[in-house]
PDB file of N, CA and C in Angstrom:
ATOM      1  N   MET A   1      76.797 101.405  88.856  1.00  0.00           N
ATOM      2  CA  MET A   1      77.798 102.387  88.468  1.00  0.00           C
ATOM      3  C   MET A   1      79.186 101.803  88.708  1.00  0.00           C
ATOM      4  N   THR A   2      80.073 102.015  87.774  1.00  0.00           N
ATOM      5  CA  THR A   2      81.425 101.504  87.875  1.00  0.00           C
ATOM      6  C   THR A   2      82.324 102.530  88.559  1.00  0.00           C
ATOM      7  N   SER A   3      83.121 102.055  89.488  1.00  0.00           N
ATOM      8  CA  SER A   3      84.057 102.918  90.192  1.00  0.00           C
ATOM      9  C   SER A   3      85.358 103.030  89.401  1.00  0.00           C
ATOM     10  N   LEU A   4      85.988 104.183  89.467  1.00  0.00           N
ATOM     11  CA  LEU A   4      87.286 104.357  88.826  1.00  0.00           C
ATOM     12  C   LEU A   4      88.344 103.468  89.469  1.00  0.00           C
ATOM     13  N   PHE A   5      88.095 103.044  90.684  1.00  0.00           N
ATOM     14  CA  PHE A   5      89.090 102.288  91.426  1.00  0.00           C
ATOM     15  C   PHE A   5      88.795 100.796  91.463  1.00  0.00           C
ATOM     16  N   THR A   6      87.783 100.354  90.749  1.00  0.00           N
ATOM     17  CA  THR A   6      87.480  98.931  90.659  1.00  0.00           C
ATOM     18  C   THR A   6      88.265  98.348  89.503  1.00  0.00           C
ATOM     19  N   ARG A   7      89.055  97.331  89.788  1.00  0.00           N
ATOM     20  CA  ARG A   7      89.879  96.716  88.756  1.00  0.00           C
ATOM     21  C   ARG A   7      89.046  95.717  87.968  1.00  0.00           C
ATOM     22  N   ASN A   8      89.023  95.888  86.648  1.00  0.00           N
ATOM     23  CA  ASN A   8      88.307  94.964  85.774  1.00  0.00           C
ATOM     24  C   ASN A   8      89.153  93.724  85.541  1.00  0.00           C
ATOM     25  N   LYS A   9      88.485  92.600  85.310  1.00  0.00           N
ATOM     26  CA  LYS A   9      89.181  91.367  84.958  1.00  0.00           C
ATOM     27  C   LYS A   9      89.633  91.466  83.507  1.00  0.00           C
ATOM     28  N   THR A  10      90.843  91.007  83.229  1.00  0.00           N
ATOM     29  CA  THR A  10      91.356  90.991  81.866  1.00  0.00           C
ATOM     30  C   THR A  10      90.834  89.748  81.171  1.00  0.00           C
ATOM     31  N   PRO A  11      90.222  89.898  80.002  1.00  0.00           N
ATOM     32  CA  PRO A  11      89.669  88.727  79.315  1.00  0.00           C
ATOM     33  C   PRO A  11      90.753  87.911  78.607  1.00  0.00           C
ATOM     34  N   GLY A  12      90.393  86.719  78.200  1.00  0.00           N
ATOM     35  CA  GLY A  12      91.252  85.902  77.350  1.00  0.00           C
ATOM     36  C   GLY A  12      92.434  85.282  78.075  1.00  0.00           C
ATOM     37  N   ARG A  13      93.400  84.901  77.273  1.00  0.00           N
ATOM     38  CA  ARG A  13      94.575  84.175  77.783  1.00  0.00           C
ATOM     39  C   ARG A  13      95.392  85.044  78.735  1.00  0.00           C
ATOM     40  N   ALA A  14      95.561  86.311  78.444  1.00  0.00           N
ATOM     41  CA  ALA A  14      96.315  87.201  79.334  1.00  0.00           C
ATOM     42  C   ALA A  14      95.659  87.244  80.716  1.00  0.00           C
ATOM     43  N   GLY A  15      94.347  87.280  80.749  1.00  0.00           N
ATOM     44  CA  GLY A  15      93.632  87.279  82.024  1.00  0.00           C
ATOM     45  C   GLY A  15      93.852  85.994  82.798  1.00  0.00           C
ATOM     46  N   GLN A  16      93.879  84.866  82.078  1.00  0.00           N
ATOM     47  CA  GLN A  16      94.126  83.579  82.732  1.00  0.00           C
ATOM     48  C   GLN A  16      95.531  83.539  83.329  1.00  0.00           C
ATOM     49  N   VAL A  17      96.515  84.015  82.562  1.00  0.00           N
ATOM     50  CA  VAL A  17      97.899  84.036  83.052  1.00  0.00           C
ATOM     51  C   VAL A  17      98.015  84.956  84.267  1.00  0.00           C
ATOM     52  N   LYS A  18      97.383  86.108  84.215  1.00  0.00           N
ATOM     53  CA  LYS A  18      97.401  87.016  85.372  1.00  0.00           C
ATOM     54  C   LYS A  18      96.804  86.347  86.607  1.00  0.00           C
ATOM     55  N   ALA A  19      95.719  85.608  86.418  1.00  0.00           N
ATOM     56  CA  ALA A  19      95.085  84.910  87.539  1.00  0.00           C
ATOM     57  C   ALA A  19      96.013  83.848  88.115  1.00  0.00           C
ATOM     58  N   TRP A  20      96.674  83.080  87.248  1.00  0.00           N
ATOM     59  CA  TRP A  20      97.624  82.061  87.730  1.00  0.00           C
ATOM     60  C   TRP A  20      98.761  82.695  88.508  1.00  0.00           C
ATOM     61  N   VAL A  21      99.319  83.795  87.971  1.00  0.00           N
ATOM     62  CA  VAL A  21     100.437  84.486  88.642  1.00  0.00           C
ATOM     63  C   VAL A  21      99.976  85.000  89.996  1.00  0.00           C
ATOM     64  N   SER A  22      98.835  85.636  90.042  1.00  0.00           N
ATOM     65  CA  SER A  22      98.305  86.165  91.306  1.00  0.00           C
ATOM     66  C   SER A  22      98.114  85.061  92.326  1.00  0.00           C
ATOM     67  N   GLN A  23      97.591  83.941  91.875  1.00  0.00           N
ATOM     68  CA  GLN A  23      97.349  82.816  92.781  1.00  0.00           C
ATOM     69  C   GLN A  23      98.657  82.220  93.296  1.00  0.00           C
ATOM     70  N   HIS A  24      99.579  81.921  92.397  1.00  0.00           N
ATOM     71  CA  HIS A  24     100.810  81.243  92.795  1.00  0.00           C
ATOM     72  C   HIS A  24     101.756  82.128  93.603  1.00  0.00           C
ATOM     73  N   LEU A  25     101.727  83.430  93.350  1.00  0.00           N
ATOM     74  CA  LEU A  25     102.578  84.347  94.117  1.00  0.00           C
ATOM     75  C   LEU A  25     101.849  84.931  95.323  1.00  0.00           C
ATOM     76  N   GLU A  26     100.592  84.499  95.512  1.00  0.00           N
ATOM     77  CA  GLU A  26      99.769  84.949  96.639  1.00  0.00           C
ATOM     78  C   GLU A  26      99.704  86.473  96.711  1.00  0.00           C
ATOM     79  N   LEU A  27      99.354  87.086  95.574  1.00  0.00           N
ATOM     80  CA  LEU A  27      99.268  88.539  95.494  1.00  0.00           C
ATOM     81  C   LEU A  27      97.951  89.025  96.067  1.00  0.00           C
ATOM     82  N   THR A  28      97.921  90.301  96.409  1.00  0.00           N
ATOM     83  CA  THR A  28      96.716  90.927  96.928  1.00  0.00           C
ATOM     84  C   THR A  28      96.095  91.802  95.840  1.00  0.00           C
ATOM     85  N   GLU A  29      94.920  92.331  96.105  1.00  0.00           N
ATOM     86  CA  GLU A  29      94.261  93.238  95.166  1.00  0.00           C
ATOM     87  C   GLU A  29      95.078  94.508  94.941  1.00  0.00           C
ATOM     88  N   ALA A  30      95.943  94.846  95.884  1.00  0.00           N
ATOM     89  CA  ALA A  30      96.755  96.054  95.761  1.00  0.00           C
ATOM     90  C   ALA A  30      97.941  95.867  94.820  1.00  0.00           C
ATOM     91  N   ASP A  31      98.284  94.616  94.501  1.00  0.00           N
ATOM     92  CA  ASP A  31      99.388  94.331  93.582  1.00  0.00           C
ATOM     93  C   ASP A  31      98.859  94.338  92.147  1.00  0.00           C
ATOM     94  N   LEU A  32      99.710  94.711  91.206  1.00  0.00           N
ATOM     95  CA  LEU A  32      99.318  94.793  89.802  1.00  0.00           C
ATOM     96  C   LEU A  32     100.160  93.816  88.994  1.00  0.00           C
ATOM     97  N   VAL A  33      99.514  93.047  88.123  1.00  0.00           N
ATOM     98  CA  VAL A  33     100.213  92.099  87.252  1.00  0.00           C
ATOM     99  C   VAL A  33     100.056  92.567  85.813  1.00  0.00           C
ATOM    100  N   SER A  34     101.174  92.625  85.096  1.00  0.00           N
ATOM    101  CA  SER A  34     101.176  92.977  83.681  1.00  0.00           C
ATOM    102  C   SER A  34     101.702  91.783  82.896  1.00  0.00           C
ATOM    103  N   VAL A  35     101.025  91.441  81.803  1.00  0.00           N
ATOM    104  CA  VAL A  35     101.445  90.346  80.933  1.00  0.00           C
ATOM    105  C   VAL A  35     101.510  90.902  79.510  1.00  0.00           C
ATOM    106  N   ALA A  36     102.668  90.736  78.862  1.00  0.00           N
ATOM    107  CA  ALA A  36     102.831  91.247  77.498  1.00  0.00           C
ATOM    108  C   ALA A  36     103.577  90.234  76.649  1.00  0.00           C
ATOM    109  N   GLU A  37     103.082  90.018  75.451  1.00  0.00           N
ATOM    110  CA  GLU A  37     103.768  89.161  74.489  1.00  0.00           C
ATOM    111  C   GLU A  37     104.546  90.076  73.556  1.00  0.00           C
ATOM    112  N   LEU A  38     105.845  89.825  73.436  1.00  0.00           N
ATOM    113  CA  LEU A  38     106.709  90.713  72.664  1.00  0.00           C
ATOM    114  C   LEU A  38     107.495  89.945  71.614  1.00  0.00           C
ATOM    115  N   ALA A  39     107.730  90.573  70.483  1.00  0.00           N
ATOM    116  CA  ALA A  39     108.606  90.012  69.455  1.00  0.00           C
ATOM    117  C   ALA A  39     110.010  90.533  69.718  1.00  0.00           C
ATOM    118  N   CYS A  40     110.975  89.647  69.661  1.00  0.00           N
ATOM    119  CA  CYS A  40     112.363  90.037  69.931  1.00  0.00           C
ATOM    120  C   CYS A  40     113.157  90.000  68.631  1.00  0.00           C
ATOM    121  N   GLN A  41     113.923  91.029  68.373  1.00  0.00           N
ATOM    122  CA  GLN A  41     114.725  91.134  67.161  1.00  0.00           C
ATOM    123  C   GLN A  41     116.218  90.984  67.434  1.00  0.00           C
ATOM    124  N   GLU A  42     116.606  90.789  68.691  1.00  0.00           N
ATOM    125  CA  GLU A  42     118.018  90.696  69.053  1.00  0.00           C
ATOM    126  C   GLU A  42     118.561  89.304  68.764  1.00  0.00           C
ATOM    127  N   PRO A  43     119.830  89.200  68.406  1.00  0.00           N
ATOM    128  CA  PRO A  43     120.425  87.883  68.140  1.00  0.00           C
ATOM    129  C   PRO A  43     120.381  86.997  69.395  1.00  0.00           C
ATOM    130  N   GLY A  44     120.039  85.727  69.202  1.00  0.00           N
ATOM    131  CA  GLY A  44     119.999  84.783  70.306  1.00  0.00           C
ATOM    132  C   GLY A  44     118.742  84.832  71.142  1.00  0.00           C
ATOM    133  N   CYS A  45     117.864  85.730  70.830  1.00  0.00           N
ATOM    134  CA  CYS A  45     116.616  85.896  71.569  1.00  0.00           C
ATOM    135  C   CYS A  45     115.526  85.084  70.866  1.00  0.00           C
ATOM    136  N   PRO A  46     114.622  84.449  71.622  1.00  0.00           N
ATOM    137  CA  PRO A  46     113.532  83.738  70.952  1.00  0.00           C
ATOM    138  C   PRO A  46     112.659  84.728  70.174  1.00  0.00           C
ATOM    139  N   PRO A  47     112.027  84.283  69.089  1.00  0.00           N
ATOM    140  CA  PRO A  47     111.262  85.213  68.259  1.00  0.00           C
ATOM    141  C   PRO A  47     110.104  85.873  68.999  1.00  0.00           C
ATOM    142  N   ILE A  48     109.485  85.130  69.925  1.00  0.00           N
ATOM    143  CA  ILE A  48     108.394  85.692  70.728  1.00  0.00           C
ATOM    144  C   ILE A  48     108.603  85.282  72.178  1.00  0.00           C
ATOM    145  N   GLU A  49     108.447  86.233  73.075  1.00  0.00           N
ATOM    146  CA  GLU A  49     108.527  85.937  74.498  1.00  0.00           C
ATOM    147  C   GLU A  49     107.372  86.610  75.218  1.00  0.00           C
ATOM    148  N   THR A  50     107.047  86.085  76.379  1.00  0.00           N
ATOM    149  CA  THR A  50     106.008  86.674  77.207  1.00  0.00           C
ATOM    150  C   THR A  50     106.685  87.253  78.442  1.00  0.00           C
ATOM    151  N   VAL A  51     106.407  88.508  78.711  1.00  0.00           N
ATOM    152  CA  VAL A  51     106.996  89.192  79.862  1.00  0.00           C
ATOM    153  C   VAL A  51     105.911  89.380  80.916  1.00  0.00           C
ATOM    154  N   VAL A  52     106.199  88.901  82.126  1.00  0.00           N
ATOM    155  CA  VAL A  52     105.280  89.037  83.252  1.00  0.00           C
ATOM    156  C   VAL A  52     105.939  89.970  84.258  1.00  0.00           C
ATOM    157  N   THR A  53     105.243  91.026  84.628  1.00  0.00           N
ATOM    158  CA  THR A  53     105.756  91.981  85.613  1.00  0.00           C
ATOM    159  C   THR A  53     104.738  92.128  86.730  1.00  0.00           C
ATOM    160  N   VAL A  54     105.231  92.070  87.959  1.00  0.00           N
ATOM    161  CA  VAL A  54     104.388  92.302  89.130  1.00  0.00           C
ATOM    162  C   VAL A  54     104.852  93.591  89.778  1.00  0.00           C
ATOM    163  N   TYR A  55     103.928  94.523  89.902  1.00  0.00           N
ATOM    164  CA  TYR A  55     104.173  95.782  90.606  1.00  0.00           C
ATOM    165  C   TYR A  55     103.528  95.628  91.978  1.00  0.00           C
ATOM    166  N   GLY A  56     104.371  95.462  92.996  1.00  0.00           N
ATOM    167  CA  GLY A  56     103.857  95.244  94.339  1.00  0.00           C
ATOM    168  C   GLY A  56     103.353  96.521  94.981  1.00  0.00           C
ATOM    169  N   ALA A  57     102.418  96.355  95.886  1.00  0.00           N
ATOM    170  CA  ALA A  57     101.876  97.500  96.621  1.00  0.00           C
ATOM    171  C   ALA A  57     102.966  98.183  97.436  1.00  0.00           C
ATOM    172  N   ASP A  58     104.043  97.444  97.732  1.00  0.00           N
ATOM    173  CA  ASP A  58     105.153  97.993  98.508  1.00  0.00           C
ATOM    174  C   ASP A  58     106.143  98.772  97.647  1.00  0.00           C
ATOM    175  N   GLY A  59     105.870  98.884  96.323  1.00  0.00           N
ATOM    176  CA  GLY A  59     106.743  99.629  95.421  1.00  0.00           C
ATOM    177  C   GLY A  59     107.766  98.756  94.718  1.00  0.00           C
ATOM    178  N   GLN A  60     107.832  97.495  95.093  1.00  0.00           N
ATOM    179  CA  GLN A  60     108.792  96.588  94.474  1.00  0.00           C
ATOM    180  C   GLN A  60     108.268  96.127  93.108  1.00  0.00           C
ATOM    181  N   ARG A  61     109.181  95.982  92.148  1.00  0.00           N
ATOM    182  CA  ARG A  61     108.811  95.487  90.819  1.00  0.00           C
ATOM    183  C   ARG A  61     109.625  94.234  90.517  1.00  0.00           C
ATOM    184  N   ARG A  62     108.937  93.193  90.066  1.00  0.00           N
ATOM    185  CA  ARG A  62     109.599  91.943  89.681  1.00  0.00           C
ATOM    186  C   ARG A  62     109.179  91.608  88.260  1.00  0.00           C
ATOM    187  N   THR A  63     110.151  91.225  87.427  1.00  0.00           N
ATOM    188  CA  THR A  63     109.879  90.918  86.028  1.00  0.00           C
ATOM    189  C   THR A  63     110.476  89.566  85.664  1.00  0.00           C
ATOM    190  N   TRP A  64     109.697  88.783  84.902  1.00  0.00           N
ATOM    191  CA  TRP A  64     110.149  87.491  84.400  1.00  0.00           C
ATOM    192  C   TRP A  64     109.918  87.450  82.906  1.00  0.00           C
ATOM    193  N   ARG A  65     110.829  86.798  82.181  1.00  0.00           N
ATOM    194  CA  ARG A  65     110.705  86.613  80.736  1.00  0.00           C
ATOM    195  C   ARG A  65     110.563  85.121  80.465  1.00  0.00           C
ATOM    196  N   LEU A  66     109.457  84.766  79.847  1.00  0.00           N
ATOM    197  CA  LEU A  66     109.198  83.373  79.483  1.00  0.00           C
ATOM    198  C   LEU A  66     109.394  83.242  77.980  1.00  0.00           C
ATOM    199  N   HIS A  67     110.269  82.366  77.571  1.00  0.00           N
ATOM    200  CA  HIS A  67     110.642  82.263  76.164  1.00  0.00           C
ATOM    201  C   HIS A  67     109.665  81.399  75.380  1.00  0.00           C
ATOM    202  N   LYS A  68     108.410  81.840  75.397  1.00  0.00           N
ATOM    203  CA  LYS A  68     107.348  81.187  74.633  1.00  0.00           C
ATOM    204  C   LYS A  68     106.198  82.166  74.466  1.00  0.00           C
ATOM    205  N   PRO A  69     105.354  81.933  73.468  1.00  0.00           N
ATOM    206  CA  PRO A  69     104.201  82.816  73.257  1.00  0.00           C
ATOM    207  C   PRO A  69     103.184  82.689  74.393  1.00  0.00           C
ATOM    208  N   LEU A  70     102.380  83.686  74.528  1.00  0.00           N
ATOM    209  CA  LEU A  70     101.343  83.732  75.560  1.00  0.00           C
ATOM    210  C   LEU A  70     100.434  82.507  75.497  1.00  0.00           C
ATOM    211  N   THR A  71     100.114  82.051  74.292  1.00  0.00           N
ATOM    212  CA  THR A  71      99.206  80.913  74.137  1.00  0.00           C
ATOM    213  C   THR A  71      99.792  79.610  74.673  1.00  0.00           C
ATOM    214  N   GLU A  72     101.111  79.550  74.858  1.00  0.00           N
ATOM    215  CA  GLU A  72     101.764  78.340  75.358  1.00  0.00           C
ATOM    216  C   GLU A  72     102.064  78.385  76.857  1.00  0.00           C
ATOM    217  N   ILE A  73     101.755  79.498  77.506  1.00  0.00           N
ATOM    218  CA  ILE A  73     101.992  79.621  78.946  1.00  0.00           C
ATOM    219  C   ILE A  73     100.952  78.770  79.673  1.00  0.00           C
ATOM    220  N   ALA A  74     101.418  77.994  80.657  1.00  0.00           N
ATOM    221  CA  ALA A  74     100.536  77.128  81.441  1.00  0.00           C
ATOM    222  C   ALA A  74     100.621  77.513  82.913  1.00  0.00           C
ATOM    223  N   ALA A  75      99.722  76.969  83.706  1.00  0.00           N
ATOM    224  CA  ALA A  75      99.717  77.242  85.142  1.00  0.00           C
ATOM    225  C   ALA A  75     101.049  76.857  85.775  1.00  0.00           C
ATOM    226  N   ALA A  76     101.662  75.793  85.280  1.00  0.00           N
ATOM    227  CA  ALA A  76     102.971  75.360  85.820  1.00  0.00           C
ATOM    228  C   ALA A  76     104.046  76.426  85.589  1.00  0.00           C
ATOM    229  N   ASP A  77     103.967  77.157  84.485  1.00  0.00           N
ATOM    230  CA  ASP A  77     104.934  78.245  84.221  1.00  0.00           C
ATOM    231  C   ASP A  77     104.771  79.348  85.261  1.00  0.00           C
ATOM    232  N   ALA A  78     103.530  79.676  85.585  1.00  0.00           N
ATOM    233  CA  ALA A  78     103.265  80.698  86.608  1.00  0.00           C
ATOM    234  C   ALA A  78     103.751  80.225  87.975  1.00  0.00           C
ATOM    235  N   ALA A  79     103.569  78.951  88.255  1.00  0.00           N
ATOM    236  CA  ALA A  79     104.003  78.402  89.548  1.00  0.00           C
ATOM    237  C   ALA A  79     105.523  78.425  89.676  1.00  0.00           C
ATOM    238  N   ALA A  80     106.228  78.341  88.552  1.00  0.00           N
ATOM    239  CA  ALA A  80     107.696  78.300  88.569  1.00  0.00           C
ATOM    240  C   ALA A  80     108.346  79.681  88.577  1.00  0.00           C
ATOM    241  N   LEU A  81     107.576  80.747  88.469  1.00  0.00           N
ATOM    242  CA  LEU A  81     108.169  82.093  88.388  1.00  0.00           C
ATOM    243  C   LEU A  81     109.027  82.437  89.589  1.00  0.00           C
ATOM    244  N   GLU A  82     108.557  82.134  90.771  1.00  0.00           N
ATOM    245  CA  GLU A  82     109.284  82.525  91.984  1.00  0.00           C
ATOM    246  C   GLU A  82     110.671  81.896  92.042  1.00  0.00           C
ATOM    247  N   ALA A  83     110.842  80.725  91.417  1.00  0.00           N
ATOM    248  CA  ALA A  83     112.134  80.037  91.428  1.00  0.00           C
ATOM    249  C   ALA A  83     113.121  80.654  90.431  1.00  0.00           C
ATOM    250  N   GLN A  84     112.624  81.438  89.479  1.00  0.00           N
ATOM    251  CA  GLN A  84     113.504  82.054  88.488  1.00  0.00           C
ATOM    252  C   GLN A  84     114.216  83.253  89.088  1.00  0.00           C
ATOM    253  N   PRO A  85     115.453  83.481  88.640  1.00  0.00           N
ATOM    254  CA  PRO A  85     116.199  84.650  89.158  1.00  0.00           C
ATOM    255  C   PRO A  85     115.617  85.963  88.706  1.00  0.00           C
TER     256      PRO A  85
END
């Protein structure tokens, strides 16, 4: 039986990116990682960007914008998130 409170693994590339982010930021099961690929229509914005948001168990929210599609995100990009403003 599946529990309502058991977090399922996200399949595919988004799941891999979430795993890299969780590992490199040393997140716990109580923290939530969101990964979204978005098209940008604003001038000067890359046509596609990937937004990574971490919702911490402590209520803190951190968001990073990577100016590349989800398919181009690598483990090194996840490792570099903490250094970004």
